[in-house]
Amino acid sequence: MARLQNLEFGGVNLPLGNPFETDPGAPQQTMPMRFSELTDTGRKRAGNQDRVLSDPALGLWVVADGMGGHAGGAEASRIACQALHEAVRHDMPLADGFEVAHSAVRSAQHDQPALQGMGSTLVAMREQRDGFLIAWVGDSRVYRYNAQDSGIECLSRDQNVAGQLVADGQITVEQARNHPQRHVLTDCIGQRGRLPTIESRAFEWHPGDRLLLCSDGLHGELSDDEIGQWLGAIRSPQDATQKLLNRALEAGGRDNISLIIIDAPGPPPG
């Protein structure tokens, strides 16, 4: 693994230590709370290149999907989560934290030439006073389900060739699900040549809101309608994450599968 030195960004020296994160491998889960996380290797992959991170005290939740061979992908997602976590802990805005994550992966590429091709998607949610901020690079997603109107909405936009074609009005969302270039990213953490496009949006919490952060190992196996069905049918975040993971495995489990569910603060709707 690449050895990480402290990273300086914007005049702040960031010690890249060990954040509270879930290591890949066998499914793992947090203590029962208003959130739950799981990551699983799936049925086809030899190892897990995904990474999930939860820091409820900081109000930060992150999913990363690494690429570039098993060793490179796992390292890229680990570095990206770790660097973002440290940046937010030092009160950096979420988008600036994504730049820190990108710089950290690029630095590791420089130190380890064998890992030149590694990169990662990155999607994060940062809770704020009465709402939350999301940011993303790549095709890991954020969904919002609301129990009061039983609707599911994808809050992020896929940064891949198929997603760009949808944005340009050339294909539909349904056509994008089976497009041959749906796995070809237009931006990722660690890319060469330019900074990735870091997209972000801010929202207010509404009663009954439930957020889902996930890698394409989940949303590539299940339709948005089915994801919404289980987010609405199962009240416990722990049971809902397990159900969605099981359904993705039953649908094929062709990739690593990672997800985090976070419920809006306050009592659940009656």
Protein backbone atom coordinates (compact mmCIF):
# COMPACT_ATOMS: atom_id res chain seq x y z
CA MET A 1 0.00 0.00 0.00
CA ALA A 2 1.09 3.56 -0.62
CA ARG A 3 2.49 5.31 2.40
CA LEU A 4 0.60 8.54 3.01
CA GLN A 5 2.36 11.62 4.29
CA ASN A 6 0.46 14.49 5.84
CA LEU A 7 -1.25 16.45 3.08
CA GLU A 8 -1.29 20.25 2.95
CA PHE A 9 -4.32 21.88 1.37
CA GLY A 10 -5.29 25.52 1.57
CA GLY A 11 -2.66 26.16 4.22
CA VAL A 12 -3.97 23.39 6.48
CA ASN A 13 -1.77 20.39 7.23
CA LEU A 14 -3.98 17.30 7.28
CA PRO A 15 -2.71 14.24 9.20
CA LEU A 16 -4.09 11.25 7.31
CA GLY A 17 -4.81 8.92 10.19
CA ASN A 18 -7.30 6.07 10.59
CA PRO A 19 -10.91 7.27 10.35
CA PHE A 20 -13.95 5.42 11.65
CA GLU A 21 -14.65 3.41 8.53
CA THR A 22 -15.77 -0.04 7.45
CA ASP A 23 -13.12 -2.24 5.86
CA PRO A 24 -14.16 -4.24 2.80
CA GLY A 25 -14.69 -7.99 2.99
CA ALA A 26 -17.46 -9.78 4.82
CA PRO A 27 -20.66 -7.76 5.31
CA GLN A 28 -20.31 -5.39 8.25
CA GLN A 29 -22.84 -3.22 10.00
CA THR A 30 -22.93 -0.37 12.46
CA MET A 31 -24.72 -0.23 15.80
CA PRO A 32 -28.50 0.24 15.57
CA MET A 33 -29.07 3.96 14.96
CA ARG A 34 -30.85 6.20 12.47
CA PHE A 35 -28.33 4.99 9.90
CA SER A 36 -26.90 1.68 8.75
CA GLU A 37 -24.11 0.67 6.39
CA LEU A 38 -23.14 -2.53 4.59
CA THR A 39 -20.47 -3.49 2.06
CA ASP A 40 -20.16 -6.85 0.34
CA THR A 41 -17.84 -8.37 -2.26
CA GLY A 42 -20.76 -9.70 -4.32
CA ARG A 43 -20.92 -13.01 -6.19
CA LYS A 44 -18.46 -12.43 -9.03
CA ARG A 45 -15.53 -10.34 -7.74
CA ALA A 46 -12.48 -11.79 -6.02
CA GLY A 47 -12.14 -8.83 -3.63
CA ASN A 48 -13.91 -5.71 -2.47
CA GLN A 49 -12.73 -2.38 -3.90
CA ASP A 50 -15.57 -0.40 -2.29
CA ARG A 51 -15.29 1.53 0.94
CA VAL A 52 -17.92 3.04 3.22
CA LEU A 53 -17.39 5.52 6.03
CA SER A 54 -19.77 6.80 8.69
CA ASP A 55 -19.04 9.49 11.26
CA PRO A 56 -22.39 10.45 12.80
CA ALA A 57 -20.74 12.83 15.28
CA LEU A 58 -19.38 14.78 12.32
CA GLY A 59 -22.55 14.29 10.29
CA LEU A 60 -20.61 12.66 7.45
CA TRP A 61 -21.38 9.55 5.41
CA VAL A 62 -19.34 8.40 2.41
CA VAL A 63 -19.34 5.65 -0.23
CA ALA A 64 -16.40 5.10 -2.62
CA ASP A 65 -16.06 2.58 -5.45
CA GLY A 66 -12.44 1.99 -6.43
CA MET A 67 -11.10 0.93 -9.80
CA GLY A 68 -7.75 0.01 -11.33
CA GLY A 69 -7.28 -3.64 -10.41
CA HIS A 70 -8.02 -5.13 -7.00
CA ALA A 71 -5.01 -3.65 -5.18
CA GLY A 72 -5.27 -0.28 -6.90
CA GLY A 73 -9.04 0.08 -6.59
CA ALA A 74 -9.13 -0.88 -2.93
CA GLU A 75 -6.30 1.53 -2.19
CA ALA A 76 -7.88 4.40 -4.11
CA SER A 77 -11.22 4.10 -2.33
CA ARG A 78 -9.49 3.82 1.06
CA ILE A 79 -7.35 6.91 0.46
CA ALA A 80 -10.28 8.92 -0.91
CA CYS A 81 -12.51 8.18 2.11
CA GLN A 82 -9.71 8.80 4.57
CA ALA A 83 -8.61 12.10 3.03
CA LEU A 84 -12.18 13.42 2.74
CA HIS A 85 -12.85 12.49 6.36
CA GLU A 86 -9.77 14.34 7.58
CA ALA A 87 -10.60 17.41 5.48
CA VAL A 88 -14.14 17.65 6.88
CA ARG A 89 -12.79 17.14 10.40
CA HIS A 90 -10.67 20.23 9.77
CA ASP A 91 -13.83 22.21 8.88
CA MET A 92 -13.24 22.27 5.15
CA PRO A 93 -16.31 22.57 2.91
CA LEU A 94 -17.39 19.26 1.43
CA ALA A 95 -16.37 20.15 -2.15
CA ASP A 96 -12.91 21.22 -0.95
CA GLY A 97 -12.65 17.87 0.81
CA PHE A 98 -13.20 16.18 -2.53
CA GLU A 99 -10.24 18.11 -3.92
CA VAL A 100 -8.17 16.90 -0.98
CA ALA A 101 -9.24 13.32 -1.72
CA HIS A 102 -8.27 13.73 -5.37
CA SER A 103 -4.87 15.17 -4.43
CA ALA A 104 -4.24 12.34 -1.98
CA VAL A 105 -4.94 9.67 -4.61
CA ARG A 106 -2.76 11.47 -7.15
CA SER A 107 0.05 11.68 -4.58
CA ALA A 108 -0.20 7.95 -3.93
CA GLN A 109 -0.06 7.30 -7.68
CA HIS A 110 3.16 9.29 -7.84
CA ASP A 111 4.67 7.34 -4.93
CA GLN A 112 3.57 3.96 -6.30
CA PRO A 113 3.97 3.79 -10.10
CA ALA A 114 2.30 0.36 -10.16
CA LEU A 115 -0.89 2.07 -9.00
CA GLN A 116 -0.92 4.76 -11.72
CA GLY A 117 -4.24 3.56 -13.09
CA MET A 118 -6.15 3.59 -9.82
CA GLY A 119 -9.10 5.85 -9.16
CA SER A 120 -12.40 5.95 -7.31
CA THR A 121 -15.90 7.28 -7.39
CA LEU A 122 -16.86 9.28 -4.31
CA VAL A 123 -20.25 10.29 -2.95
CA ALA A 124 -20.83 11.93 0.40
CA MET A 125 -23.52 13.49 2.55
CA ARG A 126 -22.74 16.12 5.19
CA GLU A 127 -25.53 16.89 7.63
CA GLN A 128 -26.09 20.54 8.47
CA ARG A 129 -28.35 22.47 10.81
CA ASP A 130 -31.74 21.83 9.19
CA GLY A 131 -30.65 19.95 6.12
CA PHE A 132 -27.81 18.29 4.32
CA LEU A 133 -25.29 18.80 1.56
CA ILE A 134 -24.34 16.11 -0.95
CA ALA A 135 -21.36 15.96 -3.30
CA TRP A 136 -20.20 13.38 -5.78
CA VAL A 137 -17.73 12.41 -8.47
CA GLY A 138 -18.41 9.37 -10.66
CA ASP A 139 -21.50 7.17 -10.72
CA SER A 140 -22.11 6.28 -7.09
CA ARG A 141 -25.48 7.73 -6.18
CA VAL A 142 -27.61 9.46 -3.55
CA TYR A 143 -31.34 8.69 -3.41
CA ARG A 144 -34.01 10.33 -1.29
CA TYR A 145 -37.15 8.45 -0.34
CA ASN A 146 -39.96 10.19 1.48
CA ALA A 147 -42.43 8.12 3.45
CA GLN A 148 -45.13 10.79 3.26
CA ASP A 149 -45.39 10.84 -0.52
CA SER A 150 -43.91 7.32 -1.11
CA GLY A 151 -41.62 8.75 -3.77
CA ILE A 152 -37.98 8.04 -4.59
CA GLU A 153 -35.70 10.56 -6.28
CA CYS A 154 -32.10 10.24 -7.40
CA LEU A 155 -30.41 13.42 -6.17
CA SER A 156 -27.10 12.89 -7.97
CA ARG A 157 -26.22 12.66 -11.67
CA ASP A 158 -24.14 9.80 -13.05
CA GLN A 159 -20.79 11.04 -14.34
CA ASN A 160 -20.48 8.40 -17.02
CA VAL A 161 -21.05 8.28 -20.76
CA ALA A 162 -24.62 7.02 -20.40
CA GLY A 163 -25.41 9.69 -17.81
CA GLN A 164 -24.08 12.40 -20.12
CA LEU A 165 -26.27 11.11 -22.94
CA VAL A 166 -29.27 11.29 -20.60
CA ALA A 167 -28.36 14.85 -19.62
CA ASP A 168 -28.09 15.76 -23.31
CA GLY A 169 -31.52 14.26 -24.03
CA GLN A 170 -30.14 11.63 -26.41
CA ILE A 171 -31.31 8.59 -24.43
CA THR A 172 -33.79 7.94 -21.62
CA VAL A 173 -32.95 6.94 -18.06
CA GLU A 174 -34.28 3.47 -18.80
CA GLN A 175 -32.09 3.14 -21.90
CA ALA A 176 -29.09 4.23 -19.83
CA ARG A 177 -29.52 1.20 -17.56
CA ASN A 178 -28.42 -1.10 -20.39
CA HIS A 179 -26.22 1.26 -22.37
CA PRO A 180 -22.88 -0.39 -23.35
CA GLN A 181 -20.94 2.61 -21.97
CA ARG A 182 -22.77 2.94 -18.67
CA HIS A 183 -19.60 1.85 -16.82
CA VAL A 184 -17.31 4.32 -18.64
CA LEU A 185 -16.77 7.23 -16.23
CA THR A 186 -16.33 10.79 -17.45
CA ASP A 187 -14.87 11.87 -14.07
CA CYS A 188 -13.28 10.09 -11.12
CA ILE A 189 -11.14 10.81 -8.09
CA GLY A 190 -7.50 10.33 -9.13
CA GLN A 191 -7.96 11.00 -12.83
CA ARG A 192 -5.05 12.50 -14.72
CA GLY A 193 -4.93 15.76 -16.66
CA ARG A 194 -7.47 17.88 -14.78
CA LEU A 195 -9.47 18.09 -11.60
CA PRO A 196 -12.62 15.99 -11.72
CA THR A 197 -15.94 17.76 -11.90
CA ILE A 198 -17.18 17.93 -8.31
CA GLU A 199 -20.94 18.37 -8.19
CA SER A 200 -22.86 19.33 -5.06
CA ARG A 201 -26.40 20.18 -3.97
CA ALA A 202 -28.00 21.37 -0.73
CA PHE A 203 -31.37 20.23 0.62
CA GLU A 204 -33.61 20.70 3.63
CA TRP A 205 -34.71 17.70 5.66
CA HIS A 206 -38.41 16.88 5.36
CA PRO A 207 -40.27 14.66 7.84
CA GLY A 208 -40.07 11.07 6.63
CA ASP A 209 -36.95 11.58 4.50
CA ARG A 210 -34.64 8.60 4.10
CA LEU A 211 -31.34 8.90 2.18
CA LEU A 212 -29.49 6.10 0.44
CA LEU A 213 -25.85 6.39 -0.66
CA CYS A 214 -24.74 3.46 -2.83
CA SER A 215 -22.25 2.16 -5.36
CA ASP A 216 -23.32 0.91 -8.78
CA GLY A 217 -23.19 -2.63 -7.43
CA LEU A 218 -26.59 -1.83 -5.93
CA HIS A 219 -28.24 0.54 -8.39
CA GLY A 220 -26.88 -1.47 -11.33
CA GLU A 221 -28.76 -4.57 -10.13
CA LEU A 222 -32.00 -3.02 -8.85
CA SER A 223 -34.36 -0.53 -10.49
CA ASP A 224 -35.14 2.73 -8.77
CA ASP A 225 -38.70 1.50 -8.22
CA GLU A 226 -37.53 -1.61 -6.37
CA ILE A 227 -35.05 0.40 -4.30
CA GLY A 228 -37.89 2.74 -3.33
CA GLN A 229 -40.15 -0.19 -2.53
CA TRP A 230 -37.81 -1.58 0.12
CA LEU A 231 -36.83 1.83 1.50
CA GLY A 232 -40.51 2.42 2.16
CA ALA A 233 -41.54 -1.04 3.30
CA ILE A 234 -38.95 -1.57 6.05
CA ARG A 235 -38.74 0.97 8.86
CA SER A 236 -35.46 -0.16 10.44
CA PRO A 237 -32.38 1.18 8.58
CA GLN A 238 -30.50 -1.98 9.57
CA ASP A 239 -33.16 -4.30 8.14
CA ALA A 240 -33.58 -2.15 5.03
CA THR A 241 -29.85 -2.20 4.20
CA GLN A 242 -29.78 -5.96 4.64
CA LYS A 243 -32.82 -6.44 2.42
CA LEU A 244 -31.40 -4.27 -0.36
CA LEU A 245 -28.06 -6.07 -0.20
CA ASN A 246 -29.79 -9.46 -0.34
CA ARG A 247 -31.89 -8.39 -3.32
CA ALA A 248 -28.81 -7.13 -5.21
CA LEU A 249 -27.07 -10.46 -4.56
CA GLU A 250 -30.15 -12.36 -5.73
CA ALA A 251 -30.23 -10.23 -8.90
CA GLY A 252 -26.70 -11.34 -9.77
CA GLY A 253 -24.27 -9.56 -7.45
CA ARG A 254 -21.94 -8.91 -10.39
CA ASP A 255 -20.02 -6.14 -8.63
CA ASN A 256 -19.08 -5.09 -5.12
CA ILE A 257 -22.15 -3.74 -3.32
CA SER A 258 -22.04 -0.90 -0.81
CA LEU A 259 -24.79 1.19 0.73
CA ILE A 260 -25.62 3.50 3.61
CA ILE A 261 -29.13 4.45 4.72
CA ILE A 262 -29.63 7.59 6.82
CA ASP A 263 -33.00 8.61 8.21
CA ALA A 264 -33.93 12.24 8.81
CA PRO A 265 -33.37 13.35 12.41
CA GLY A 266 -36.34 13.19 14.73
CA PRO A 267 -38.99 10.52 15.29
CA PRO A 268 -40.08 8.44 12.29
CA PRO A 269 -43.48 9.29 10.83
CA GLY A 270 -46.30 7.44 12.54
